[in-house]
Amino acid sequence: KESKTNAMRILERSHIPYELIQYECKEFIDGVHVADQTGVPREQSFKTLVAKGRSGAYYVFVLPVELEVYLKSAARLVGEKSIEMLHVKDITSVTGYIRGGCSPLGMKKQYPTVIHETALQYDKIYISGGRIGTTIVVNPLQLAEVCRAGFGNLTEGSRRRAGNGIHAAFACSICDFFRGIVFCTDPSTAQAPEGNDQYAECDCERGLGASQQRDVWKSCQYCQ
């Protein structure tokens, strides 16, 4: 019987259901080949990338295996002036995982995490199980909850405004996690909600009326 990975243990402790897919693999292969080998849709298969900001902080980005992260968009999402992808030689020391088995769950530390917004289109997505040869199938909203992650556009130069409260709620959790850094907007244009100067207002909420904004913020489990 194979031992459980940290990613599996975290999901079980959080009472989040998941499925496992095992596949034969002795060394690193990219996510596209994993998806094809296991017979799952590429667009629902997400890879985990780690980047380092100019501030020295690390960030985790989860995006479809066929897409590439747009660094300017990713930097803006996490409030950094610029970011660069983590070098392969540093993956294990920073995350505790090896190349090809890096999961957004169970890293050495809980780094700020952003999931590409297309994940919201699906009931389930496929991510690394924390070791080569193992894929975890999980609901993206539940994954975001346990990772304290936000959703955003990681692959294009222009960000897309959120169209519903789901984005706003998770954006709010990112603001809390970053302790005030703005999610999905230019910090110079952000405003703090009335009576709460710890959290900056996300651009996602700009189209809502004052009472609706207050309801959205109160609905966030991290900022209420």
Protein backbone atom coordinates (compact mmCIF):
# COMPACT_ATOMS: atom_id res chain seq x y z
CA LYS A 1 0.00 0.00 0.00
CA GLU A 2 1.45 3.37 -1.03
CA SER A 3 2.01 5.99 1.63
CA LYS A 4 -0.01 9.18 1.61
CA THR A 5 1.55 12.46 0.57
CA ASN A 6 1.27 15.71 2.52
CA ALA A 7 -1.24 16.91 -0.07
CA MET A 8 -3.53 13.97 0.66
CA ARG A 9 -3.21 14.37 4.42
CA ILE A 10 -4.11 18.07 4.23
CA LEU A 11 -7.25 17.36 2.21
CA GLU A 12 -8.30 14.62 4.62
CA ARG A 13 -7.73 16.81 7.68
CA SER A 14 -9.87 19.49 6.03
CA HIS A 15 -12.58 16.90 5.22
CA ILE A 16 -12.32 17.68 1.52
CA PRO A 17 -13.15 14.76 -0.80
CA TYR A 18 -10.68 13.86 -3.51
CA GLU A 19 -9.83 11.09 -5.95
CA LEU A 20 -6.47 9.64 -6.91
CA ILE A 21 -5.14 8.71 -10.32
CA GLN A 22 -1.92 6.69 -10.39
CA TYR A 23 0.24 6.40 -13.51
CA GLU A 24 3.52 4.79 -14.42
CA CYS A 25 6.35 7.30 -14.45
CA LYS A 26 9.95 6.99 -13.26
CA GLU A 27 11.16 10.50 -14.08
CA PHE A 28 9.85 13.97 -14.89
CA ILE A 29 7.35 14.38 -17.72
CA ASP A 30 5.38 17.56 -18.35
CA GLY A 31 1.73 18.05 -17.47
CA VAL A 32 0.50 17.72 -21.04
CA HIS A 33 1.97 14.23 -21.30
CA VAL A 34 0.58 13.30 -17.88
CA ALA A 35 -2.90 14.39 -18.95
CA ASP A 36 -2.65 12.39 -22.17
CA GLN A 37 -1.25 9.34 -20.39
CA THR A 38 -4.02 9.33 -17.79
CA GLY A 39 -6.76 10.17 -20.29
CA VAL A 40 -8.01 13.34 -18.58
CA PRO A 41 -8.88 16.65 -20.30
CA ARG A 42 -5.87 18.92 -20.75
CA GLU A 43 -7.92 22.03 -20.00
CA GLN A 44 -8.84 20.61 -16.57
CA SER A 45 -5.28 19.54 -15.80
CA PHE A 46 -3.41 22.17 -13.81
CA LYS A 47 0.31 22.51 -13.15
CA THR A 48 1.90 24.17 -10.13
CA LEU A 49 4.56 26.83 -10.64
CA VAL A 50 6.53 28.75 -8.02
CA ALA A 51 7.88 32.27 -8.50
CA LYS A 52 9.91 34.74 -6.47
CA GLY A 53 8.96 38.40 -6.24
CA ARG A 54 11.29 41.37 -6.17
CA SER A 55 10.52 41.60 -2.44
CA GLY A 56 12.01 38.14 -1.93
CA ALA A 57 8.64 36.50 -1.21
CA TYR A 58 7.58 33.29 -2.91
CA TYR A 59 4.26 32.74 -4.71
CA VAL A 60 2.46 29.70 -6.07
CA PHE A 61 0.58 29.78 -9.38
CA VAL A 62 -1.76 27.00 -10.50
CA LEU A 63 -2.71 27.07 -14.18
CA PRO A 64 -3.69 24.77 -17.06
CA VAL A 65 -0.86 22.58 -18.32
CA GLU A 66 -1.10 23.92 -21.88
CA LEU A 67 -0.78 27.57 -20.85
CA GLU A 68 2.17 29.69 -19.75
CA VAL A 69 2.12 32.23 -16.95
CA TYR A 70 2.28 35.89 -18.03
CA LEU A 71 4.72 37.32 -15.51
CA LYS A 72 3.42 40.90 -15.57
CA SER A 73 -0.13 39.79 -14.84
CA ALA A 74 1.02 37.40 -12.13
CA ALA A 75 3.13 40.11 -10.50
CA ARG A 76 0.20 42.52 -10.48
CA LEU A 77 -2.07 39.89 -8.93
CA VAL A 78 0.23 39.44 -5.95
CA GLY A 79 1.20 43.09 -5.56
CA GLU A 80 4.81 42.75 -6.74
CA LYS A 81 6.63 45.06 -9.16
CA SER A 82 8.11 42.02 -10.85
CA ILE A 83 8.50 38.29 -10.38
CA GLU A 84 10.66 35.55 -11.83
CA MET A 85 10.09 31.81 -12.00
CA LEU A 86 11.89 29.69 -9.42
CA HIS A 87 14.94 27.91 -10.79
CA VAL A 88 14.60 24.13 -11.05
CA LYS A 89 17.53 23.61 -8.66
CA ASP A 90 15.67 25.52 -5.93
CA ILE A 91 12.32 23.72 -6.16
CA THR A 92 13.02 21.15 -3.44
CA SER A 93 14.60 23.59 -0.97
CA VAL A 94 11.67 26.03 -1.29
CA THR A 95 8.71 23.65 -1.63
CA GLY A 96 9.86 20.30 -0.26
CA TYR A 97 8.79 18.68 -3.53
CA ILE A 98 10.74 17.55 -6.57
CA ARG A 99 10.25 18.62 -10.18
CA GLY A 100 7.24 16.81 -11.63
CA GLY A 101 5.69 16.19 -8.23
CA CYS A 102 5.02 19.73 -7.02
CA SER A 103 1.55 20.23 -5.54
CA PRO A 104 -0.03 23.50 -4.31
CA LEU A 105 -0.86 21.55 -1.15
CA GLY A 106 1.66 20.57 1.50
CA MET A 107 4.67 22.70 0.63
CA LYS A 108 7.21 23.54 3.32
CA LYS A 109 5.31 26.79 3.90
CA GLN A 110 1.87 28.04 2.88
CA TYR A 111 2.87 30.52 0.21
CA PRO A 112 0.36 32.99 -1.28
CA THR A 113 -1.42 31.10 -4.04
CA VAL A 114 -3.36 32.13 -7.15
CA ILE A 115 -5.34 29.69 -9.30
CA HIS A 116 -6.06 30.56 -12.92
CA GLU A 117 -9.67 31.68 -13.22
CA THR A 118 -10.66 29.04 -15.79
CA ALA A 119 -10.67 26.50 -12.94
CA LEU A 120 -14.02 28.00 -11.91
CA GLN A 121 -15.58 26.56 -15.06
CA TYR A 122 -15.22 23.00 -13.77
CA ASP A 123 -16.54 20.89 -10.91
CA LYS A 124 -13.16 19.21 -10.64
CA ILE A 125 -9.59 19.81 -11.73
CA TYR A 126 -6.51 17.59 -11.79
CA ILE A 127 -3.39 18.60 -9.86
CA SER A 128 -0.21 16.90 -8.74
CA GLY A 129 -0.66 14.61 -5.77
CA GLY A 130 2.71 15.57 -4.33
CA ARG A 131 4.84 12.94 -6.02
CA ILE A 132 5.61 11.76 -9.53
CA GLY A 133 3.03 9.23 -10.68
CA THR A 134 0.12 10.57 -8.62
CA THR A 135 -2.65 12.97 -9.62
CA ILE A 136 -5.30 14.37 -7.28
CA VAL A 137 -8.81 15.15 -8.53
CA VAL A 138 -10.44 17.91 -6.46
CA ASN A 139 -13.06 20.64 -6.62
CA PRO A 140 -11.32 23.99 -7.41
CA LEU A 141 -13.30 25.98 -4.84
CA GLN A 142 -12.45 23.51 -2.11
CA LEU A 143 -8.82 23.54 -3.21
CA ALA A 144 -8.80 27.33 -2.99
CA GLU A 145 -10.34 27.18 0.46
CA VAL A 146 -7.69 24.90 1.90
CA CYS A 147 -4.85 26.78 0.14
CA ARG A 148 -6.36 30.18 1.02
CA ALA A 149 -5.95 30.89 -2.68
CA GLY A 150 -7.42 33.51 -4.97
CA PHE A 151 -8.52 33.24 -8.60
CA GLY A 152 -7.13 35.47 -11.31
CA ASN A 153 -6.02 35.70 -14.93
CA LEU A 154 -2.45 34.40 -14.94
CA THR A 155 -1.99 34.02 -18.67
CA GLU A 156 -2.88 37.32 -20.35
CA GLY A 157 -1.59 40.86 -20.22
CA SER A 158 -4.98 42.35 -19.34
CA ARG A 159 -6.89 41.18 -16.30
CA ARG A 160 -10.56 40.28 -16.50
CA ARG A 161 -12.89 41.82 -13.96
CA ALA A 162 -14.65 39.34 -11.75
CA GLY A 163 -18.28 38.87 -12.62
CA ASN A 164 -19.57 37.37 -9.39
CA GLY A 165 -19.16 37.19 -5.64
CA ILE A 166 -17.01 34.09 -5.77
CA HIS A 167 -14.07 36.07 -7.11
CA ALA A 168 -14.68 38.83 -4.61
CA ALA A 169 -14.79 36.45 -1.65
CA PHE A 170 -11.58 34.71 -2.57
CA ALA A 171 -9.92 37.96 -3.56
CA CYS A 172 -10.82 39.12 -0.07
CA SER A 173 -9.12 36.08 1.41
CA ILE A 174 -6.00 36.93 -0.55
CA CYS A 175 -6.02 40.48 0.84
CA ASP A 176 -6.22 39.01 4.31
CA PHE A 177 -3.49 36.49 3.64
CA PHE A 178 -1.19 39.13 2.23
CA ARG A 179 -2.07 41.37 5.20
CA GLY A 180 -3.25 44.27 3.09
CA ILE A 181 -1.64 43.82 -0.31
CA VAL A 182 -4.18 44.38 -3.04
CA PHE A 183 -5.43 41.47 -5.13
CA CYS A 184 -6.20 42.03 -8.85
CA THR A 185 -5.74 45.78 -9.03
CA ASP A 186 -3.10 48.49 -9.08
CA PRO A 187 -2.27 49.35 -5.42
CA SER A 188 -2.25 53.07 -6.29
CA THR A 189 -5.98 52.96 -7.13
CA ALA A 190 -7.12 50.82 -4.21
CA GLN A 191 -9.33 52.06 -1.40
CA ALA A 192 -9.88 50.52 1.99
CA PRO A 193 -13.45 49.58 2.98
CA GLU A 194 -15.00 52.03 5.43
CA GLY A 195 -14.12 51.24 9.02
CA ASN A 196 -11.47 48.68 8.06
CA ASP A 197 -8.06 50.00 7.07
CA GLN A 198 -6.35 46.62 7.18
CA TYR A 199 -7.79 45.33 3.92
CA ALA A 200 -7.56 47.10 0.58
CA GLU A 201 -10.61 46.99 -1.66
CA CYS A 202 -10.33 44.72 -4.68
CA ASP A 203 -11.11 46.02 -8.14
CA CYS A 204 -13.52 43.07 -8.38
CA GLU A 205 -15.95 44.92 -6.11
CA ARG A 206 -15.89 48.34 -7.76
CA GLY A 207 -19.09 47.69 -9.73
CA LEU A 208 -21.13 46.95 -6.61
CA GLY A 209 -23.10 49.42 -4.53
CA ALA A 210 -21.97 50.28 -1.01
CA SER A 211 -24.40 47.93 0.72
CA GLN A 212 -23.52 45.10 -1.65
CA GLN A 213 -19.83 45.70 -1.06
CA ARG A 214 -20.35 45.42 2.65
CA ASP A 215 -22.24 42.16 2.21
CA VAL A 216 -19.46 40.73 0.06
CA TRP A 217 -16.80 41.61 2.60
CA LYS A 218 -18.85 40.26 5.49
CA SER A 219 -19.32 36.99 3.60
CA CYS A 220 -15.58 36.39 3.48
CA GLN A 221 -14.64 33.87 6.17
CA TYR A 222 -11.22 35.47 6.66
CA CYS A 223 -12.20 39.15 6.82
CA GLN A 224 -15.52 39.22 8.68
